[in-house]
Amino acid sequence: MELIYITSAKYVSGYILELTFNTGEVKLFDFTRLYDKGICTKLQDIEYFKNFKLDAFSVDWNNEIGFAPEFLYEQGIPA
């Protein structure tokens, strides 16, 4: 099985990111279903949410919040 990772990410609207994976697939992921849990409540601040970065494998917020690329791949919807 090939290692899944994100090669690019861009903000779409609301709490949705468009994620491009190393497989060439592009998926949309809506983070609203996660932002009321634990540390993810920080994502409710839209300016904080928009300030994501890419690390070696996935999206990351201030080295505080990150998600496994496999989870984002499996739960994302095709763009």
PDB file of N, CA and C in Angstrom:
ATOM      1  N   MET A   1       0.837  -1.185   0.000  1.00  0.00           N
ATOM      2  CA  MET A   1       0.000   0.000   0.000  1.00  0.00           C
ATOM      3  C   MET A   1       0.880   1.246   0.000  1.00  0.00           C
ATOM      4  N   GLU A   2       0.537   2.190  -0.849  1.00  0.00           N
ATOM      5  CA  GLU A   2       1.284   3.424  -0.970  1.00  0.00           C
ATOM      6  C   GLU A   2       0.971   4.358   0.194  1.00  0.00           C
ATOM      7  N   LEU A   3       1.987   5.032   0.675  1.00  0.00           N
ATOM      8  CA  LEU A   3       1.816   6.025   1.730  1.00  0.00           C
ATOM      9  C   LEU A   3       1.021   7.198   1.171  1.00  0.00           C
ATOM     10  N   ILE A   4      -0.027   7.601   1.883  1.00  0.00           N
ATOM     11  CA  ILE A   4      -0.874   8.718   1.469  1.00  0.00           C
ATOM     12  C   ILE A   4      -0.389   9.983   2.175  1.00  0.00           C
ATOM     13  N   TYR A   5      -0.224  11.058   1.413  1.00  0.00           N
ATOM     14  CA  TYR A   5       0.085  12.344   2.018  1.00  0.00           C
ATOM     15  C   TYR A   5      -0.479  13.460   1.150  1.00  0.00           C
ATOM     16  N   ILE A   6      -0.578  14.623   1.733  1.00  0.00           N
ATOM     17  CA  ILE A   6      -1.151  15.794   1.064  1.00  0.00           C
ATOM     18  C   ILE A   6      -0.027  16.586   0.406  1.00  0.00           C
ATOM     19  N   THR A   7      -0.218  16.899  -0.870  1.00  0.00           N
ATOM     20  CA  THR A   7       0.792  17.661  -1.601  1.00  0.00           C
ATOM     21  C   THR A   7       0.450  19.140  -1.690  1.00  0.00           C
ATOM     22  N   SER A   8      -0.841  19.471  -1.577  1.00  0.00           N
ATOM     23  CA  SER A   8      -1.241  20.883  -1.532  1.00  0.00           C
ATOM     24  C   SER A   8      -2.612  20.992  -0.874  1.00  0.00           C
ATOM     25  N   ALA A   9      -2.853  22.161  -0.330  1.00  0.00           N
ATOM     26  CA  ALA A   9      -4.130  22.429   0.335  1.00  0.00           C
ATOM     27  C   ALA A   9      -4.481  23.888   0.114  1.00  0.00           C
ATOM     28  N   LYS A  10      -5.767  24.136  -0.100  1.00  0.00           N
ATOM     29  CA  LYS A  10      -6.195  25.526  -0.214  1.00  0.00           C
ATOM     30  C   LYS A  10      -7.548  25.700   0.459  1.00  0.00           C
ATOM     31  N   TYR A  11      -7.720  26.895   0.983  1.00  0.00           N
ATOM     32  CA  TYR A  11      -8.969  27.267   1.630  1.00  0.00           C
ATOM     33  C   TYR A  11     -10.036  27.444   0.566  1.00  0.00           C
ATOM     34  N   VAL A  12     -11.238  26.891   0.801  1.00  0.00           N
ATOM     35  CA  VAL A  12     -12.344  27.018  -0.144  1.00  0.00           C
ATOM     36  C   VAL A  12     -13.342  28.040   0.383  1.00  0.00           C
ATOM     37  N   SER A  13     -13.982  27.732   1.507  1.00  0.00           N
ATOM     38  CA  SER A  13     -14.943  28.627   2.151  1.00  0.00           C
ATOM     39  C   SER A  13     -15.331  28.006   3.480  1.00  0.00           C
ATOM     40  N   GLY A  14     -15.933  28.823   4.354  1.00  0.00           N
ATOM     41  CA  GLY A  14     -16.355  28.293   5.651  1.00  0.00           C
ATOM     42  C   GLY A  14     -15.211  27.552   6.322  1.00  0.00           C
ATOM     43  N   TYR A  15     -15.429  26.287   6.589  1.00  0.00           N
ATOM     44  CA  TYR A  15     -14.410  25.447   7.228  1.00  0.00           C
ATOM     45  C   TYR A  15     -14.025  24.294   6.313  1.00  0.00           C
ATOM     46  N   ILE A  16     -13.973  24.583   5.024  1.00  0.00           N
ATOM     47  CA  ILE A  16     -13.674  23.565   4.018  1.00  0.00           C
ATOM     48  C   ILE A  16     -12.320  23.839   3.377  1.00  0.00           C
ATOM     49  N   LEU A  17     -11.520  22.774   3.300  1.00  0.00           N
ATOM     50  CA  LEU A  17     -10.259  22.832   2.581  1.00  0.00           C
ATOM     51  C   LEU A  17     -10.313  21.886   1.391  1.00  0.00           C
ATOM     52  N   GLU A  18      -9.659  22.294   0.314  1.00  0.00           N
ATOM     53  CA  GLU A  18      -9.466  21.419  -0.835  1.00  0.00           C
ATOM     54  C   GLU A  18      -8.079  20.810  -0.693  1.00  0.00           C
ATOM     55  N   LEU A  19      -8.025  19.499  -0.633  1.00  0.00           N
ATOM     56  CA  LEU A  19      -6.783  18.781  -0.377  1.00  0.00           C
ATOM     57  C   LEU A  19      -6.392  17.962  -1.603  1.00  0.00           C
ATOM     58  N   THR A  20      -5.168  18.122  -2.047  1.00  0.00           N
ATOM     59  CA  THR A  20      -4.643  17.319  -3.146  1.00  0.00           C
ATOM     60  C   THR A  20      -3.680  16.303  -2.546  1.00  0.00           C
ATOM     61  N   PHE A  21      -3.890  15.056  -2.894  1.00  0.00           N
ATOM     62  CA  PHE A  21      -3.091  13.965  -2.353  1.00  0.00           C
ATOM     63  C   PHE A  21      -2.060  13.491  -3.370  1.00  0.00           C
ATOM     64  N   ASN A  22      -1.047  12.802  -2.889  1.00  0.00           N
ATOM     65  CA  ASN A  22       0.012  12.310  -3.763  1.00  0.00           C
ATOM     66  C   ASN A  22      -0.494  11.295  -4.787  1.00  0.00           C
ATOM     67  N   THR A  23      -1.712  10.829  -4.632  1.00  0.00           N
ATOM     68  CA  THR A  23      -2.329   9.932  -5.606  1.00  0.00           C
ATOM     69  C   THR A  23      -2.856  10.706  -6.815  1.00  0.00           C
ATOM     70  N   GLY A  24      -2.871  12.040  -6.705  1.00  0.00           N
ATOM     71  CA  GLY A  24      -3.435  12.891  -7.739  1.00  0.00           C
ATOM     72  C   GLY A  24      -4.892  13.247  -7.480  1.00  0.00           C
ATOM     73  N   GLU A  25      -5.506  12.584  -6.496  1.00  0.00           N
ATOM     74  CA  GLU A  25      -6.905  12.862  -6.184  1.00  0.00           C
ATOM     75  C   GLU A  25      -7.040  14.160  -5.399  1.00  0.00           C
ATOM     76  N   VAL A  26      -8.144  14.859  -5.664  1.00  0.00           N
ATOM     77  CA  VAL A  26      -8.457  16.098  -4.959  1.00  0.00           C
ATOM     78  C   VAL A  26      -9.754  15.867  -4.198  1.00  0.00           C
ATOM     79  N   LYS A  27      -9.731  16.172  -2.902  1.00  0.00           N
ATOM     80  CA  LYS A  27     -10.911  15.972  -2.069  1.00  0.00           C
ATOM     81  C   LYS A  27     -11.188  17.219  -1.251  1.00  0.00           C
ATOM     82  N   LEU A  28     -12.460  17.395  -0.933  1.00  0.00           N
ATOM     83  CA  LEU A  28     -12.887  18.473  -0.043  1.00  0.00           C
ATOM     84  C   LEU A  28     -13.120  17.875   1.332  1.00  0.00           C
ATOM     85  N   PHE A  29     -12.678  18.600   2.349  1.00  0.00           N
ATOM     86  CA  PHE A  29     -12.913  18.155   3.722  1.00  0.00           C
ATOM     87  C   PHE A  29     -13.499  19.309   4.512  1.00  0.00           C
ATOM     88  N   ASP A  30     -14.665  19.061   5.106  1.00  0.00           N
ATOM     89  CA  ASP A  30     -15.354  20.053   5.931  1.00  0.00           C
ATOM     90  C   ASP A  30     -15.043  19.754   7.394  1.00  0.00           C
ATOM     91  N   PHE A  31     -14.336  20.653   8.043  1.00  0.00           N
ATOM     92  CA  PHE A  31     -13.880  20.453   9.415  1.00  0.00           C
ATOM     93  C   PHE A  31     -14.936  20.796  10.461  1.00  0.00           C
ATOM     94  N   THR A  32     -16.119  21.258  10.053  1.00  0.00           N
ATOM     95  CA  THR A  32     -17.125  21.656  11.042  1.00  0.00           C
ATOM     96  C   THR A  32     -17.541  20.497  11.941  1.00  0.00           C
ATOM     97  N   ARG A  33     -17.484  19.288  11.452  1.00  0.00           N
ATOM     98  CA  ARG A  33     -17.891  18.147  12.290  1.00  0.00           C
ATOM     99  C   ARG A  33     -16.864  17.810  13.361  1.00  0.00           C
ATOM    100  N   LEU A  34     -15.693  18.416  13.277  1.00  0.00           N
ATOM    101  CA  LEU A  34     -14.634  18.128  14.247  1.00  0.00           C
ATOM    102  C   LEU A  34     -14.337  19.300  15.172  1.00  0.00           C
ATOM    103  N   TYR A  35     -14.780  20.505  14.814  1.00  0.00           N
ATOM    104  CA  TYR A  35     -14.292  21.679  15.526  1.00  0.00           C
ATOM    105  C   TYR A  35     -14.938  21.935  16.882  1.00  0.00           C
ATOM    106  N   ASP A  36     -15.791  21.051  17.344  1.00  0.00           N
ATOM    107  CA  ASP A  36     -16.348  21.202  18.697  1.00  0.00           C
ATOM    108  C   ASP A  36     -15.791  20.148  19.650  1.00  0.00           C
ATOM    109  N   LYS A  37     -14.697  19.513  19.259  1.00  0.00           N
ATOM    110  CA  LYS A  37     -14.103  18.440  20.068  1.00  0.00           C
ATOM    111  C   LYS A  37     -12.691  18.814  20.515  1.00  0.00           C
ATOM    112  N   GLY A  38     -12.458  18.782  21.823  1.00  0.00           N
ATOM    113  CA  GLY A  38     -11.121  18.980  22.383  1.00  0.00           C
ATOM    114  C   GLY A  38     -10.405  20.207  21.866  1.00  0.00           C
ATOM    115  N   ILE A  39      -9.139  20.032  21.522  1.00  0.00           N
ATOM    116  CA  ILE A  39      -8.327  21.155  21.045  1.00  0.00           C
ATOM    117  C   ILE A  39      -8.834  21.698  19.717  1.00  0.00           C
ATOM    118  N   CYS A  40      -9.606  20.906  18.996  1.00  0.00           N
ATOM    119  CA  CYS A  40     -10.144  21.354  17.696  1.00  0.00           C
ATOM    120  C   CYS A  40     -11.099  22.529  17.833  1.00  0.00           C
ATOM    121  N   THR A  41     -11.532  22.853  19.056  1.00  0.00           N
ATOM    122  CA  THR A  41     -12.398  24.021  19.228  1.00  0.00           C
ATOM    123  C   THR A  41     -11.682  25.299  18.756  1.00  0.00           C
ATOM    124  N   LYS A  42     -10.352  25.283  18.745  1.00  0.00           N
ATOM    125  CA  LYS A  42      -9.595  26.443  18.236  1.00  0.00           C
ATOM    126  C   LYS A  42      -9.910  26.706  16.772  1.00  0.00           C
ATOM    127  N   LEU A  43     -10.310  25.672  16.046  1.00  0.00           N
ATOM    128  CA  LEU A  43     -10.620  25.830  14.624  1.00  0.00           C
ATOM    129  C   LEU A  43     -11.877  26.652  14.388  1.00  0.00           C
ATOM    130  N   GLN A  44     -12.681  26.872  15.427  1.00  0.00           N
ATOM    131  CA  GLN A  44     -13.881  27.689  15.284  1.00  0.00           C
ATOM    132  C   GLN A  44     -13.543  29.138  14.954  1.00  0.00           C
ATOM    133  N   ASP A  45     -12.355  29.571  15.332  1.00  0.00           N
ATOM    134  CA  ASP A  45     -11.883  30.917  14.978  1.00  0.00           C
ATOM    135  C   ASP A  45     -11.476  30.861  13.507  1.00  0.00           C
ATOM    136  N   ILE A  46     -12.254  31.471  12.635  1.00  0.00           N
ATOM    137  CA  ILE A  46     -12.044  31.345  11.190  1.00  0.00           C
ATOM    138  C   ILE A  46     -10.664  31.844  10.760  1.00  0.00           C
ATOM    139  N   GLU A  47     -10.142  32.869  11.415  1.00  0.00           N
ATOM    140  CA  GLU A  47      -8.804  33.352  11.058  1.00  0.00           C
ATOM    141  C   GLU A  47      -7.741  32.329  11.428  1.00  0.00           C
ATOM    142  N   TYR A  48      -7.908  31.675  12.567  1.00  0.00           N
ATOM    143  CA  TYR A  48      -7.001  30.591  12.967  1.00  0.00           C
ATOM    144  C   TYR A  48      -7.113  29.457  11.943  1.00  0.00           C
ATOM    145  N   PHE A  49      -8.340  29.101  11.577  1.00  0.00           N
ATOM    146  CA  PHE A  49      -8.565  28.014  10.631  1.00  0.00           C
ATOM    147  C   PHE A  49      -7.870  28.289   9.295  1.00  0.00           C
ATOM    148  N   LYS A  50      -7.988  29.504   8.811  1.00  0.00           N
ATOM    149  CA  LYS A  50      -7.399  29.859   7.517  1.00  0.00           C
ATOM    150  C   LYS A  50      -5.874  29.881   7.556  1.00  0.00           C
ATOM    151  N   ASN A  51      -5.301  29.895   8.735  1.00  0.00           N
ATOM    152  CA  ASN A  51      -3.851  30.009   8.896  1.00  0.00           C
ATOM    153  C   ASN A  51      -3.175  28.641   9.008  1.00  0.00           C
ATOM    154  N   PHE A  52      -3.609  27.675   8.226  1.00  0.00           N
ATOM    155  CA  PHE A  52      -3.004  26.354   8.238  1.00  0.00           C
ATOM    156  C   PHE A  52      -1.718  26.359   7.400  1.00  0.00           C
ATOM    157  N   LYS A  53      -0.920  25.340   7.618  1.00  0.00           N
ATOM    158  CA  LYS A  53       0.288  25.138   6.827  1.00  0.00           C
ATOM    159  C   LYS A  53       0.359  23.650   6.468  1.00  0.00           C
ATOM    160  N   LEU A  54       1.180  23.324   5.505  1.00  0.00           N
ATOM    161  CA  LEU A  54       1.449  21.927   5.193  1.00  0.00           C
ATOM    162  C   LEU A  54       2.724  21.512   5.899  1.00  0.00           C
ATOM    163  N   ASP A  55       2.667  20.371   6.577  1.00  0.00           N
ATOM    164  CA  ASP A  55       3.901  19.791   7.084  1.00  0.00           C
ATOM    165  C   ASP A  55       4.324  18.725   6.065  1.00  0.00           C
ATOM    166  N   ALA A  56       5.127  17.788   6.433  1.00  0.00           N
ATOM    167  CA  ALA A  56       5.614  16.787   5.478  1.00  0.00           C
ATOM    168  C   ALA A  56       4.512  15.888   4.918  1.00  0.00           C
ATOM    169  N   PHE A  57       3.392  15.735   5.660  1.00  0.00           N
ATOM    170  CA  PHE A  57       2.372  14.781   5.247  1.00  0.00           C
ATOM    171  C   PHE A  57       0.949  15.325   5.206  1.00  0.00           C
ATOM    172  N   SER A  58       0.653  16.361   5.967  1.00  0.00           N
ATOM    173  CA  SER A  58      -0.738  16.765   6.145  1.00  0.00           C
ATOM    174  C   SER A  58      -0.834  18.255   6.441  1.00  0.00           C
ATOM    175  N   VAL A  59      -2.055  18.721   6.727  1.00  0.00           N
ATOM    176  CA  VAL A  59      -2.257  20.103   7.137  1.00  0.00           C
ATOM    177  C   VAL A  59      -2.037  20.210   8.642  1.00  0.00           C
ATOM    178  N   ASP A  60      -1.617  21.394   9.060  1.00  0.00           N
ATOM    179  CA  ASP A  60      -1.246  21.598  10.456  1.00  0.00           C
ATOM    180  C   ASP A  60      -1.597  23.031  10.844  1.00  0.00           C
ATOM    181  N   TRP A  61      -2.057  23.172  12.060  1.00  0.00           N
ATOM    182  CA  TRP A  61      -2.353  24.491  12.605  1.00  0.00           C
ATOM    183  C   TRP A  61      -1.421  24.753  13.771  1.00  0.00           C
ATOM    184  N   ASN A  62      -0.439  25.605  13.536  1.00  0.00           N
ATOM    185  CA  ASN A  62       0.441  26.110  14.586  1.00  0.00           C
ATOM    186  C   ASN A  62       1.118  25.005  15.395  1.00  0.00           C
ATOM    187  N   ASN A  63       1.396  23.875  14.784  1.00  0.00           N
ATOM    188  CA  ASN A  63       1.988  22.713  15.473  1.00  0.00           C
ATOM    189  C   ASN A  63       1.149  22.262  16.670  1.00  0.00           C
ATOM    190  N   GLU A  64      -0.131  22.599  16.656  1.00  0.00           N
ATOM    191  CA  GLU A  64      -1.046  22.220  17.741  1.00  0.00           C
ATOM    192  C   GLU A  64      -2.070  21.190  17.277  1.00  0.00           C
ATOM    193  N   ILE A  65      -2.563  21.371  16.045  1.00  0.00           N
ATOM    194  CA  ILE A  65      -3.642  20.528  15.551  1.00  0.00           C
ATOM    195  C   ILE A  65      -3.234  19.968  14.197  1.00  0.00           C
ATOM    196  N   GLY A  66      -3.336  18.672  14.080  1.00  0.00           N
ATOM    197  CA  GLY A  66      -3.036  18.020  12.811  1.00  0.00           C
ATOM    198  C   GLY A  66      -3.892  16.771  12.682  1.00  0.00           C
ATOM    199  N   PHE A  67      -4.056  16.324  11.470  1.00  0.00           N
ATOM    200  CA  PHE A  67      -4.879  15.148  11.208  1.00  0.00           C
ATOM    201  C   PHE A  67      -4.100  14.186  10.326  1.00  0.00           C
ATOM    202  N   ALA A  68      -4.287  12.915  10.561  1.00  0.00           N
ATOM    203  CA  ALA A  68      -3.646  11.907   9.721  1.00  0.00           C
ATOM    204  C   ALA A  68      -4.133  12.073   8.287  1.00  0.00           C
ATOM    205  N   PRO A  69      -3.230  12.087   7.325  1.00  0.00           N
ATOM    206  CA  PRO A  69      -3.659  12.250   5.943  1.00  0.00           C
ATOM    207  C   PRO A  69      -4.589  11.126   5.488  1.00  0.00           C
ATOM    208  N   GLU A  70      -4.406   9.936   6.025  1.00  0.00           N
ATOM    209  CA  GLU A  70      -5.284   8.809   5.677  1.00  0.00           C
ATOM    210  C   GLU A  70      -6.726   9.093   6.089  1.00  0.00           C
ATOM    211  N   PHE A  71      -6.904   9.700   7.264  1.00  0.00           N
ATOM    212  CA  PHE A  71      -8.253  10.059   7.744  1.00  0.00           C
ATOM    213  C   PHE A  71      -8.883  11.083   6.807  1.00  0.00           C
ATOM    214  N   LEU A  72      -8.135  12.115   6.457  1.00  0.00           N
ATOM    215  CA  LEU A  72      -8.664  13.161   5.579  1.00  0.00           C
ATOM    216  C   LEU A  72      -8.973  12.589   4.191  1.00  0.00           C
ATOM    217  N   TYR A  73      -8.154  11.670   3.730  1.00  0.00           N
ATOM    218  CA  TYR A  73      -8.365  11.027   2.438  1.00  0.00           C
ATOM    219  C   TYR A  73      -9.648  10.179   2.460  1.00  0.00           C
ATOM    220  N   GLU A  74      -9.774   9.353   3.489  1.00  0.00           N
ATOM    221  CA  GLU A  74     -10.927   8.449   3.573  1.00  0.00           C
ATOM    222  C   GLU A  74     -12.244   9.191   3.807  1.00  0.00           C
ATOM    223  N   GLN A  75     -12.206  10.274   4.578  1.00  0.00           N
ATOM    224  CA  GLN A  75     -13.417  10.990   4.951  1.00  0.00           C
ATOM    225  C   GLN A  75     -13.736  12.156   4.008  1.00  0.00           C
ATOM    226  N   GLY A  76     -12.783  12.544   3.171  1.00  0.00           N
ATOM    227  CA  GLY A  76     -13.025  13.637   2.243  1.00  0.00           C
ATOM    228  C   GLY A  76     -13.942  13.218   1.105  1.00  0.00           C
ATOM    229  N   ILE A  77     -14.533  14.215   0.465  1.00  0.00           N
ATOM    230  CA  ILE A  77     -15.403  13.917  -0.680  1.00  0.00           C
ATOM    231  C   ILE A  77     -14.702  14.410  -1.954  1.00  0.00           C
ATOM    232  N   PRO A  78     -14.824  13.665  -3.040  1.00  0.00           N
ATOM    233  CA  PRO A  78     -14.159  14.073  -4.273  1.00  0.00           C
ATOM    234  C   PRO A  78     -14.572  15.492  -4.691  1.00  0.00           C
ATOM    235  N   ALA A  79     -13.590  16.254  -5.115  1.00  0.00           N
ATOM    236  CA  ALA A  79     -13.854  17.639  -5.530  1.00  0.00           C
ATOM    237  C   ALA A  79     -14.328  17.670  -6.981  1.00  0.00           C
TER     238      ALA A  79
END
